[in-house]
Amino acid sequence: MPSGPVPVASTWRDRWAQGRWSNGTLVYGSSGLVLLFALLLLGDFAWSLKERAVTPVAQVLLKQMQASDLFIALVVGSVPAGLGLLLGPIVAVRSDRHRGPWGRRIPYLFLPTPFIVVSLVGMAFTPDLGAALHSVLGGASPGERVCALIVFSLMWSLFEVASVTANAVFGGLINDVVPPTLVGRFYGLFRATSLLAGMAFTFHLMGRAEQHFAAIFIGIALIYGLGFALMCWRVREGEYPPLEDAPAAHDATSAAGGALGRYLRECFTQPYYLWLFLAMTLGLVAGNPVNSFGVFYAKHVGLGLDGYGKYLALTYAISLLLALPVGWLADRWHPLRVGLTAITAYGLAMLAAGTLVREGGQFALAFVLHGVLSGIYLTGTAALGQYLFPRTRFAQFQSAMSLMAALGYMVVPPLMGAWLDATGNEYRHTFIASGALALGAALAFVMVHRHFQRLGGAGGYRAPE
């Protein structure tokens, strides 16, 4: 399958009237397209609720167990990034090369689901399991609090291994089944669904996380298990081109070495992709300092968990209104241009916030601005990989970008946590750090755009192989 440009949906109304949409061997009528979107968005709602709700509730639980900011950053931030660094590329490449009756994506989405459910239930009962471990160890126990932290860390690691496996190929499924002419609009709906999940959690449940974390974890486990299982059961993948013959190898070690060499050569030897990976990575991790410690910043300036949840819900509501227009703009103007504009505005706004914010009302305004501008960036660039990566090896190149992002997520949270511990929790520095990372992303996107123009630009782009 050649890697050509994703066409602009200039005649999508005509296609809707004719009831003909396609992606590879998949052909949809209008009703089939609606069903496909409904199933994918159901899976996205379950996935987004897991992504948006589990981390802040885990942070609240760890604070209740008197964990330091550095410990929270390491366990909740660096561990997932490290697992993504190790597992993401392996899963993505195996998925690209898998051929089976379920397709090449569905098995890697369905099989981790029970482990995510079990780990969430385990986190719900962390205090009880910690007390049981303390009792079993007796005199050798490091203390009930430490035992609870050990249990949480183990459950969190299981949760992240399973999540990384599914996350590595979820975008690949969308790439393989959604008609390319609608990918920007689909990601607008995708973003809207994600925001609805975030609003439902932050507005109604965030303020109750300290008292009812167990019920929240169990509820997310049930929604995720049922929603993702239904999506995997009903979504069907098409036929894929035959695999290229892999180079012959005399033993498993040389085969693994050859596969690794090929992966590194294809993904990391062209300056264009290196700039693209850097830009996307910095753009993704730019909001991490504020996202990682915003809940503590809100308590520090007197808003509390309930206030934090309400303002977070407000950012989601505004972003929800913007999701479809931004998705349409990405299809019409190109995600690269939308991303460059949005990340530049975000960087300048966050640097200003880090300089000016001193009390609760100012924090609330800056926090909403952080959420809205970063939301525009994330929605506008959600389909960037579909536009710029080779379509036949989409998951492989997506995993290479995720590998770079994992490095960023491994470094940024602990550095930010250590800095906050050293400065007496001066949380306004999180805005400054986010702004600096965003402007770095903007500079990298400028370099990407120069390469993009040489490769044909919006009208004739072809992804380098």
Protein backbone atom coordinates (compact mmCIF):
# COMPACT_ATOMS: atom_id res chain seq x y z
CA MET A 1 0.00 0.00 0.00
CA PRO A 2 1.67 3.28 -1.02
CA SER A 3 2.16 6.03 1.54
CA GLY A 4 0.39 8.98 0.00
CA PRO A 5 -1.39 12.00 1.42
CA VAL A 6 -4.58 11.65 3.42
CA PRO A 7 -7.11 13.27 1.09
CA VAL A 8 -9.18 16.20 2.23
CA ALA A 9 -12.83 15.28 2.62
CA SER A 10 -14.06 17.94 0.21
CA THR A 11 -17.00 15.81 -0.95
CA TRP A 12 -17.90 14.06 2.30
CA ARG A 13 -21.58 15.09 2.01
CA ASP A 14 -21.74 13.43 -1.41
CA ARG A 15 -20.12 10.31 0.03
CA TRP A 16 -22.65 10.30 2.86
CA ALA A 17 -25.51 10.55 0.39
CA GLN A 18 -24.03 7.71 -1.68
CA GLY A 19 -23.32 5.63 1.44
CA ARG A 20 -19.79 4.66 0.35
CA TRP A 21 -16.74 5.01 2.57
CA SER A 22 -13.63 2.86 2.48
CA ASN A 23 -10.32 2.05 4.15
CA GLY A 24 -8.36 -0.61 2.31
CA THR A 25 -10.64 -3.62 1.80
CA LEU A 26 -13.21 -2.25 4.25
CA VAL A 27 -16.22 -0.57 2.64
CA TYR A 28 -18.94 1.07 4.75
CA GLY A 29 -22.42 2.21 4.05
CA SER A 30 -23.74 5.14 6.06
CA SER A 31 -25.26 2.89 8.74
CA GLY A 32 -22.08 0.81 8.92
CA LEU A 33 -20.01 3.94 9.39
CA VAL A 34 -22.27 5.12 12.21
CA LEU A 35 -21.97 1.71 13.91
CA LEU A 36 -18.18 1.73 13.53
CA PHE A 37 -17.91 5.20 15.07
CA ALA A 38 -20.28 4.24 17.89
CA LEU A 39 -18.23 1.15 18.81
CA LEU A 40 -14.90 2.97 18.63
CA LEU A 41 -16.24 5.87 20.67
CA LEU A 42 -17.62 3.44 23.27
CA GLY A 43 -14.16 1.94 23.56
CA ASP A 44 -12.68 5.43 23.68
CA PHE A 45 -15.02 6.46 26.51
CA ALA A 46 -13.90 3.47 28.58
CA TRP A 47 -10.25 4.06 27.67
CA SER A 48 -10.46 7.82 28.36
CA LEU A 49 -12.14 7.31 31.73
CA LYS A 50 -9.27 5.01 32.68
CA GLU A 51 -6.65 7.46 31.43
CA ARG A 52 -8.19 10.58 32.95
CA ALA A 53 -9.51 9.29 36.27
CA VAL A 54 -7.07 6.64 37.50
CA THR A 55 -3.99 8.86 37.79
CA PRO A 56 -5.50 11.69 39.92
CA VAL A 57 -7.24 9.18 42.21
CA ALA A 58 -3.96 7.27 42.54
CA GLN A 59 -2.20 10.53 43.44
CA VAL A 60 -4.79 11.27 46.11
CA LEU A 61 -4.45 7.76 47.54
CA LEU A 62 -0.65 8.00 47.63
CA LYS A 63 -0.83 11.35 49.42
CA GLN A 64 -3.11 9.75 52.00
CA MET A 65 -0.35 7.17 52.50
CA GLN A 66 2.11 10.07 53.05
CA ALA A 67 4.14 9.45 49.88
CA SER A 68 6.47 12.27 48.79
CA ASP A 69 6.09 14.22 45.55
CA LEU A 70 9.23 12.49 44.23
CA PHE A 71 7.84 9.02 45.02
CA ILE A 72 4.53 9.87 43.36
CA ALA A 73 6.32 11.20 40.28
CA LEU A 74 8.50 8.08 40.05
CA VAL A 75 5.72 5.52 40.52
CA VAL A 76 2.89 7.25 38.64
CA GLY A 77 5.03 9.05 36.04
CA SER A 78 8.35 7.31 35.42
CA VAL A 79 7.28 3.67 35.82
CA PRO A 80 4.63 3.90 33.08
CA ALA A 81 7.09 5.73 30.85
CA GLY A 82 9.77 3.10 31.42
CA LEU A 83 7.34 0.29 30.65
CA GLY A 84 6.23 2.10 27.51
CA LEU A 85 9.85 2.50 26.51
CA LEU A 86 10.45 -1.25 26.77
CA LEU A 87 7.13 -2.73 25.68
CA GLY A 88 5.59 -0.19 23.31
CA PRO A 89 7.86 -0.75 20.28
CA ILE A 90 7.78 -4.54 20.69
CA VAL A 91 3.98 -4.65 20.82
CA ALA A 92 3.59 -2.18 17.96
CA VAL A 93 5.93 -4.03 15.58
CA ARG A 94 4.42 -7.41 16.44
CA SER A 95 0.96 -5.96 15.83
CA ASP A 96 1.99 -4.56 12.43
CA ARG A 97 3.27 -8.00 11.44
CA HIS A 98 0.48 -10.08 12.99
CA ARG A 99 -2.06 -11.81 10.78
CA GLY A 100 -4.89 -13.78 12.34
CA PRO A 101 -8.66 -14.33 12.34
CA TRP A 102 -9.16 -11.41 14.78
CA GLY A 103 -7.04 -9.04 12.71
CA ARG A 104 -3.73 -7.51 13.71
CA ARG A 105 -4.94 -5.02 16.36
CA ILE A 106 -7.89 -6.60 18.20
CA PRO A 107 -5.88 -9.38 19.96
CA TYR A 108 -3.51 -6.81 21.46
CA LEU A 109 -6.45 -4.73 22.66
CA PHE A 110 -8.57 -7.54 24.10
CA LEU A 111 -5.99 -9.69 25.90
CA PRO A 112 -4.75 -6.95 28.31
CA THR A 113 -8.31 -6.04 29.36
CA PRO A 114 -8.70 -8.61 32.21
CA PHE A 115 -5.35 -7.55 33.69
CA ILE A 116 -6.41 -3.89 33.73
CA VAL A 117 -9.63 -4.84 35.49
CA VAL A 118 -7.82 -6.97 38.10
CA SER A 119 -5.19 -4.31 38.81
CA LEU A 120 -7.83 -1.59 39.29
CA VAL A 121 -9.69 -3.78 41.77
CA GLY A 122 -6.38 -4.45 43.52
CA MET A 123 -5.71 -0.71 43.84
CA ALA A 124 -9.18 -0.26 45.29
CA PHE A 125 -8.24 -2.60 48.16
CA THR A 126 -4.68 -1.30 48.63
CA PRO A 127 -5.08 -0.42 52.37
CA ASP A 128 -6.61 -3.83 53.14
CA LEU A 129 -4.00 -5.72 51.12
CA GLY A 130 -1.24 -3.65 52.71
CA ALA A 131 -2.55 -4.50 56.18
CA ALA A 132 -2.72 -8.19 55.24
CA LEU A 133 0.87 -8.13 53.95
CA HIS A 134 2.00 -6.39 57.14
CA SER A 135 0.32 -9.10 59.20
CA VAL A 136 1.85 -11.94 57.17
CA LEU A 137 5.37 -10.51 57.40
CA GLY A 138 5.10 -10.03 61.16
CA GLY A 139 8.34 -8.83 62.67
CA ALA A 140 9.98 -8.63 59.24
CA SER A 141 7.41 -6.09 58.06
CA PRO A 142 8.75 -2.62 57.13
CA GLY A 143 5.51 -1.17 58.50
CA GLU A 144 1.88 -1.13 57.40
CA ARG A 145 2.26 2.12 55.44
CA VAL A 146 5.26 0.81 53.50
CA CYS A 147 3.46 -2.47 52.85
CA ALA A 148 0.51 -0.55 51.41
CA LEU A 149 2.89 1.40 49.16
CA ILE A 150 4.46 -1.88 48.00
CA VAL A 151 1.04 -3.33 47.16
CA PHE A 152 0.03 -0.19 45.30
CA SER A 153 3.29 -0.16 43.33
CA LEU A 154 2.81 -3.79 42.27
CA MET A 155 -0.79 -3.21 41.21
CA TRP A 156 0.16 -0.04 39.40
CA SER A 157 2.92 -1.86 37.52
CA LEU A 158 0.48 -4.57 36.39
CA PHE A 159 -1.99 -1.89 35.37
CA GLU A 160 0.62 -0.05 33.31
CA VAL A 161 2.00 -3.18 31.58
CA ALA A 162 -1.50 -4.00 30.37
CA SER A 163 -2.30 -0.37 29.52
CA VAL A 164 0.91 0.09 27.53
CA THR A 165 0.11 -3.03 25.51
CA ALA A 166 -3.35 -1.73 24.58
CA ASN A 167 -2.27 1.88 24.10
CA ALA A 168 0.47 0.86 21.68
CA VAL A 169 -2.05 -0.35 19.09
CA PHE A 170 -5.28 1.58 19.77
CA GLY A 171 -4.25 4.29 17.31
CA GLY A 172 -3.32 1.57 14.85
CA LEU A 173 -6.85 0.19 14.94
CA ILE A 174 -8.24 3.63 14.13
CA ASN A 175 -5.72 4.00 11.31
CA ASP A 176 -6.78 0.63 9.87
CA VAL A 177 -10.58 0.93 10.05
CA VAL A 178 -11.57 4.62 9.91
CA PRO A 179 -11.87 6.08 6.37
CA PRO A 180 -8.86 8.41 5.86
CA THR A 181 -11.06 11.25 4.57
CA LEU A 182 -12.76 11.43 7.97
CA VAL A 183 -9.82 10.90 10.31
CA GLY A 184 -9.61 14.52 11.52
CA ARG A 185 -13.32 14.71 12.20
CA PHE A 186 -13.23 11.31 13.88
CA TYR A 187 -10.50 12.49 16.22
CA GLY A 188 -12.65 15.52 16.99
CA LEU A 189 -15.40 13.11 18.11
CA PHE A 190 -12.73 11.03 19.85
CA ARG A 191 -11.59 14.08 21.77
CA ALA A 192 -15.18 15.05 22.61
CA THR A 193 -15.86 11.58 24.02
CA SER A 194 -12.67 11.75 26.06
CA LEU A 195 -13.69 15.13 27.43
CA LEU A 196 -17.15 13.85 28.37
CA ALA A 197 -15.48 11.07 30.33
CA GLY A 198 -13.23 13.60 32.04
CA MET A 199 -16.15 15.91 32.84
CA ALA A 200 -18.22 13.08 34.29
CA PHE A 201 -15.37 12.18 36.61
CA THR A 202 -13.98 15.56 37.63
CA PHE A 203 -17.31 17.31 38.19
CA HIS A 204 -19.07 14.57 40.12
CA LEU A 205 -16.35 12.38 41.65
CA MET A 206 -13.02 14.21 41.99
CA GLY A 207 -14.08 15.90 45.23
CA ARG A 208 -14.97 12.50 46.70
CA ALA A 209 -11.74 10.75 45.75
CA GLU A 210 -10.26 10.86 49.25
CA GLN A 211 -13.24 9.13 50.85
CA HIS A 212 -14.44 6.89 48.02
CA PHE A 213 -11.35 5.94 46.02
CA ALA A 214 -12.20 2.22 46.26
CA ALA A 215 -15.65 2.65 44.69
CA ILE A 216 -14.17 4.85 41.94
CA PHE A 217 -11.49 2.30 41.05
CA ILE A 218 -14.04 -0.54 40.96
CA GLY A 219 -16.46 1.50 38.86
CA ILE A 220 -13.76 2.33 36.30
CA ALA A 221 -12.77 -1.35 36.18
CA LEU A 222 -16.34 -2.39 35.31
CA ILE A 223 -16.83 0.32 32.67
CA TYR A 224 -13.48 -0.36 31.04
CA GLY A 225 -13.89 -4.13 31.03
CA LEU A 226 -17.37 -4.07 29.49
CA GLY A 227 -16.78 -1.18 27.06
CA PHE A 228 -13.48 -2.40 25.66
CA ALA A 229 -14.65 -6.01 25.41
CA LEU A 230 -17.73 -4.96 23.40
CA MET A 231 -15.63 -2.84 21.04
CA CYS A 232 -13.18 -5.69 20.44
CA TRP A 233 -16.02 -8.15 19.86
CA ARG A 234 -17.91 -6.08 17.28
CA VAL A 235 -15.27 -4.09 15.35
CA ARG A 236 -13.92 -5.97 12.34
CA GLU A 237 -10.60 -5.36 10.61
CA GLY A 238 -10.05 -5.77 6.87
CA GLU A 239 -7.49 -7.74 4.92
CA TYR A 240 -3.87 -6.68 5.08
CA PRO A 241 -1.11 -6.95 2.45
CA PRO A 242 1.23 -9.95 2.74
CA LEU A 243 4.21 -9.58 5.05
CA GLU A 244 7.61 -8.81 3.64
CA ASP A 245 10.00 -11.69 4.04
CA ALA A 246 12.07 -11.20 7.18
CA PRO A 247 15.85 -11.54 6.81
CA ALA A 248 17.07 -15.05 7.54
CA ALA A 249 18.66 -15.56 10.96
CA HIS A 250 20.62 -18.48 12.38
CA ASP A 251 19.35 -18.18 15.95
CA ALA A 252 16.96 -16.24 18.14
CA THR A 253 19.63 -13.79 19.29
CA SER A 254 20.65 -12.78 15.77
CA ALA A 255 17.00 -12.60 14.71
CA ALA A 256 16.21 -10.27 17.59
CA GLY A 257 19.28 -8.21 16.85
CA GLY A 258 18.33 -7.97 13.18
CA ALA A 259 14.78 -6.89 14.03
CA LEU A 260 16.07 -4.25 16.44
CA GLY A 261 18.56 -2.97 13.89
CA ARG A 262 15.88 -2.74 11.23
CA TYR A 263 13.54 -0.92 13.62
CA LEU A 264 16.20 1.63 14.59
CA ARG A 265 17.33 2.09 10.99
CA GLU A 266 13.85 2.67 9.62
CA CYS A 267 12.67 4.97 12.40
CA PHE A 268 15.72 6.91 13.61
CA THR A 269 18.07 7.56 10.69
CA GLN A 270 16.12 10.22 8.78
CA PRO A 271 16.40 13.80 10.13
CA TYR A 272 12.78 14.50 9.17
CA TYR A 273 11.40 11.80 11.46
CA LEU A 274 13.81 12.76 14.24
CA TRP A 275 12.52 16.34 14.20
CA LEU A 276 8.94 15.05 14.03
CA PHE A 277 9.46 12.72 17.00
CA LEU A 278 11.08 15.52 19.00
CA ALA A 279 8.28 17.97 18.24
CA MET A 280 5.52 15.50 19.07
CA THR A 281 7.30 14.36 22.24
CA LEU A 282 7.84 17.87 23.60
CA GLY A 283 4.27 18.74 22.70
CA LEU A 284 2.94 15.75 24.63
CA VAL A 285 5.08 16.23 27.75
CA ALA A 286 4.71 20.03 27.82
CA GLY A 287 1.58 19.86 29.97
CA ASN A 288 3.01 17.18 32.25
CA PRO A 289 4.40 19.48 35.00
CA VAL A 290 1.02 21.18 35.46
CA ASN A 291 -0.98 17.96 35.05
CA SER A 292 1.19 16.03 37.50
CA PHE A 293 1.01 18.56 40.32
CA GLY A 294 -2.05 20.67 39.54
CA VAL A 295 -4.15 18.87 42.15
CA PHE A 296 -1.60 19.75 44.84
CA TYR A 297 -1.28 23.33 43.52
CA ALA A 298 -5.06 23.75 43.86
CA LYS A 299 -4.96 22.63 47.49
CA HIS A 300 -1.92 24.88 48.10
CA VAL A 301 -3.85 28.01 47.00
CA GLY A 302 -7.01 27.02 48.88
CA LEU A 303 -9.24 25.66 46.11
CA GLY A 304 -9.24 22.08 47.42
CA LEU A 305 -10.06 18.92 45.51
CA ASP A 306 -13.64 19.97 44.83
CA GLY A 307 -12.57 23.32 43.37
CA TYR A 308 -9.89 21.62 41.31
CA GLY A 309 -12.44 19.15 39.95
CA LYS A 310 -14.92 21.89 39.06
CA TYR A 311 -12.35 23.99 37.17
CA LEU A 312 -11.03 20.89 35.42
CA ALA A 313 -14.60 20.08 34.37
CA LEU A 314 -14.91 23.64 33.03
CA THR A 315 -11.82 23.18 30.86
CA TYR A 316 -13.30 19.94 29.56
CA ALA A 317 -16.60 21.68 28.77
CA ILE A 318 -14.87 24.42 26.79
CA SER A 319 -12.67 21.90 25.00
CA LEU A 320 -15.75 19.82 24.21
CA LEU A 321 -17.30 22.77 22.39
CA LEU A 322 -14.07 23.24 20.45
CA ALA A 323 -13.37 19.57 19.65
CA LEU A 324 -15.35 19.19 16.42
CA PRO A 325 -14.38 22.62 14.99
CA VAL A 326 -10.71 21.89 15.72
CA GLY A 327 -11.00 18.43 14.15
CA TRP A 328 -12.59 20.01 11.06
CA LEU A 329 -9.81 22.63 10.98
CA ALA A 330 -7.17 19.87 11.14
CA ASP A 331 -8.69 18.20 8.07
CA ARG A 332 -8.91 21.48 6.17
CA TRP A 333 -5.73 23.30 7.27
CA HIS A 334 -3.53 20.31 8.26
CA PRO A 335 -2.71 19.07 11.79
CA LEU A 336 0.88 20.28 11.48
CA ARG A 337 -0.15 23.91 11.11
CA VAL A 338 -2.80 23.65 13.82
CA GLY A 339 -0.28 22.07 16.19
CA LEU A 340 2.40 24.70 15.60
CA THR A 341 -0.04 27.55 16.23
CA ALA A 342 -1.58 25.99 19.33
CA ILE A 343 1.66 24.92 21.04
CA THR A 344 3.18 28.38 20.54
CA ALA A 345 0.15 30.06 22.14
CA TYR A 346 0.22 27.55 25.00
CA GLY A 347 3.93 28.11 25.70
CA LEU A 348 3.59 31.89 25.88
CA ALA A 349 0.50 31.65 28.10
CA MET A 350 2.15 29.27 30.57
CA LEU A 351 5.29 31.39 30.91
CA ALA A 352 3.06 34.36 31.71
CA ALA A 353 1.10 32.28 34.25
CA GLY A 354 4.29 31.18 36.01
CA THR A 355 5.25 34.80 36.42
CA LEU A 356 1.87 36.26 37.45
CA VAL A 357 -0.08 33.60 39.40
CA ARG A 358 -0.08 34.17 43.16
CA GLU A 359 -3.53 33.21 44.55
CA GLY A 360 -6.51 30.93 43.98
CA GLY A 361 -8.44 32.99 41.45
CA GLN A 362 -5.36 33.59 39.32
CA PHE A 363 -4.50 29.89 39.47
CA ALA A 364 -8.03 28.96 38.38
CA LEU A 365 -7.80 31.24 35.33
CA ALA A 366 -4.33 29.97 34.39
CA PHE A 367 -5.37 26.35 34.93
CA VAL A 368 -8.40 26.70 32.66
CA LEU A 369 -6.22 28.38 30.03
CA HIS A 370 -3.72 25.51 30.36
CA GLY A 371 -6.47 22.96 29.79
CA VAL A 372 -8.12 24.72 26.85
CA LEU A 373 -4.95 25.55 24.91
CA SER A 374 -3.39 22.15 25.49
CA GLY A 375 -6.72 20.61 24.48
CA ILE A 376 -6.68 22.51 21.19
CA TYR A 377 -3.16 21.25 20.57
CA LEU A 378 -4.01 17.63 21.42
CA THR A 379 -7.18 17.62 19.32
CA GLY A 380 -5.54 19.40 16.42
CA THR A 381 -2.57 17.01 16.29
CA ALA A 382 -4.40 13.78 17.17
CA ALA A 383 -4.37 12.70 13.50
CA LEU A 384 -0.84 13.97 12.82
CA GLY A 385 0.59 10.45 12.70
CA GLN A 386 -2.06 9.34 10.20
CA TYR A 387 -1.08 12.26 7.99
CA LEU A 388 2.71 11.98 8.24
CA PHE A 389 3.75 8.38 9.09
CA PRO A 390 3.97 5.60 6.45
CA ARG A 391 0.55 3.96 6.49
CA THR A 392 1.81 0.40 6.08
CA ARG A 393 3.99 0.74 9.20
CA PHE A 394 1.90 3.20 11.14
CA ALA A 395 2.06 1.41 14.50
CA GLN A 396 5.83 1.00 14.19
CA PHE A 397 6.42 4.72 13.66
CA GLN A 398 3.80 5.60 16.26
CA SER A 399 5.67 3.39 18.73
CA ALA A 400 8.94 5.15 17.89
CA MET A 401 7.31 8.46 18.74
CA SER A 402 5.87 6.92 21.90
CA LEU A 403 9.33 5.64 22.80
CA MET A 404 10.65 9.19 22.65
CA ALA A 405 7.65 10.41 24.65
CA ALA A 406 8.32 7.69 27.24
CA LEU A 407 11.81 9.09 27.74
CA GLY A 408 10.28 12.50 28.29
CA TYR A 409 7.73 11.16 30.76
CA MET A 410 10.50 9.31 32.61
CA VAL A 411 12.58 12.45 33.01
CA VAL A 412 10.10 15.31 33.46
CA PRO A 413 7.94 14.19 36.43
CA PRO A 414 10.77 13.17 38.79
CA LEU A 415 12.80 16.26 37.91
CA MET A 416 9.75 18.43 38.55
CA GLY A 417 8.97 16.55 41.77
CA ALA A 418 12.55 16.85 43.02
CA TRP A 419 12.58 20.56 42.17
CA LEU A 420 9.32 21.12 44.05
CA ASP A 421 10.61 19.22 47.08
CA ALA A 422 13.81 21.32 47.01
CA THR A 423 11.99 24.67 46.68
CA GLY A 424 9.40 24.11 49.38
CA ASN A 425 6.62 23.19 46.95
CA GLU A 426 6.72 26.38 44.86
CA TYR A 427 4.09 25.05 42.48
CA ARG A 428 4.03 28.09 40.15
CA HIS A 429 7.26 26.68 38.69
CA THR A 430 5.13 23.99 37.04
CA PHE A 431 3.66 26.64 34.71
CA ILE A 432 7.14 27.88 33.80
CA ALA A 433 8.38 24.36 33.06
CA SER A 434 5.35 23.61 30.88
CA GLY A 435 5.81 26.86 28.97
CA ALA A 436 9.49 26.21 28.29
CA LEU A 437 8.79 22.68 27.01
CA ALA A 438 6.01 23.99 24.76
CA LEU A 439 8.20 26.62 23.14
CA GLY A 440 10.83 23.93 22.53
CA ALA A 441 8.14 21.92 20.75
CA ALA A 442 7.23 24.97 18.65
CA LEU A 443 10.81 25.36 17.44
CA ALA A 444 10.95 21.66 16.53
CA PHE A 445 7.64 21.95 14.63
CA VAL A 446 9.13 24.79 12.58
CA MET A 447 11.88 22.41 11.45
CA VAL A 448 9.30 19.70 10.69
CA HIS A 449 7.31 22.13 8.57
CA ARG A 450 10.38 22.97 6.49
CA HIS A 451 10.95 19.27 5.73
CA PHE A 452 7.22 18.81 5.12
CA GLN A 453 7.22 21.47 2.42
CA ARG A 454 10.17 19.80 0.66
CA LEU A 455 8.28 16.48 0.69
CA GLY A 456 5.33 17.91 -1.24
CA GLY A 457 3.45 19.94 1.35
CA ALA A 458 -0.25 19.64 2.04
CA GLY A 459 -1.13 18.96 -1.60
CA GLY A 460 1.39 16.27 -2.53
CA TYR A 461 3.05 14.88 0.59
CA ARG A 462 4.49 11.38 0.53
CA ALA A 463 5.92 9.86 3.70
CA PRO A 464 9.62 8.91 3.34
CA GLU A 465 10.10 5.14 3.50
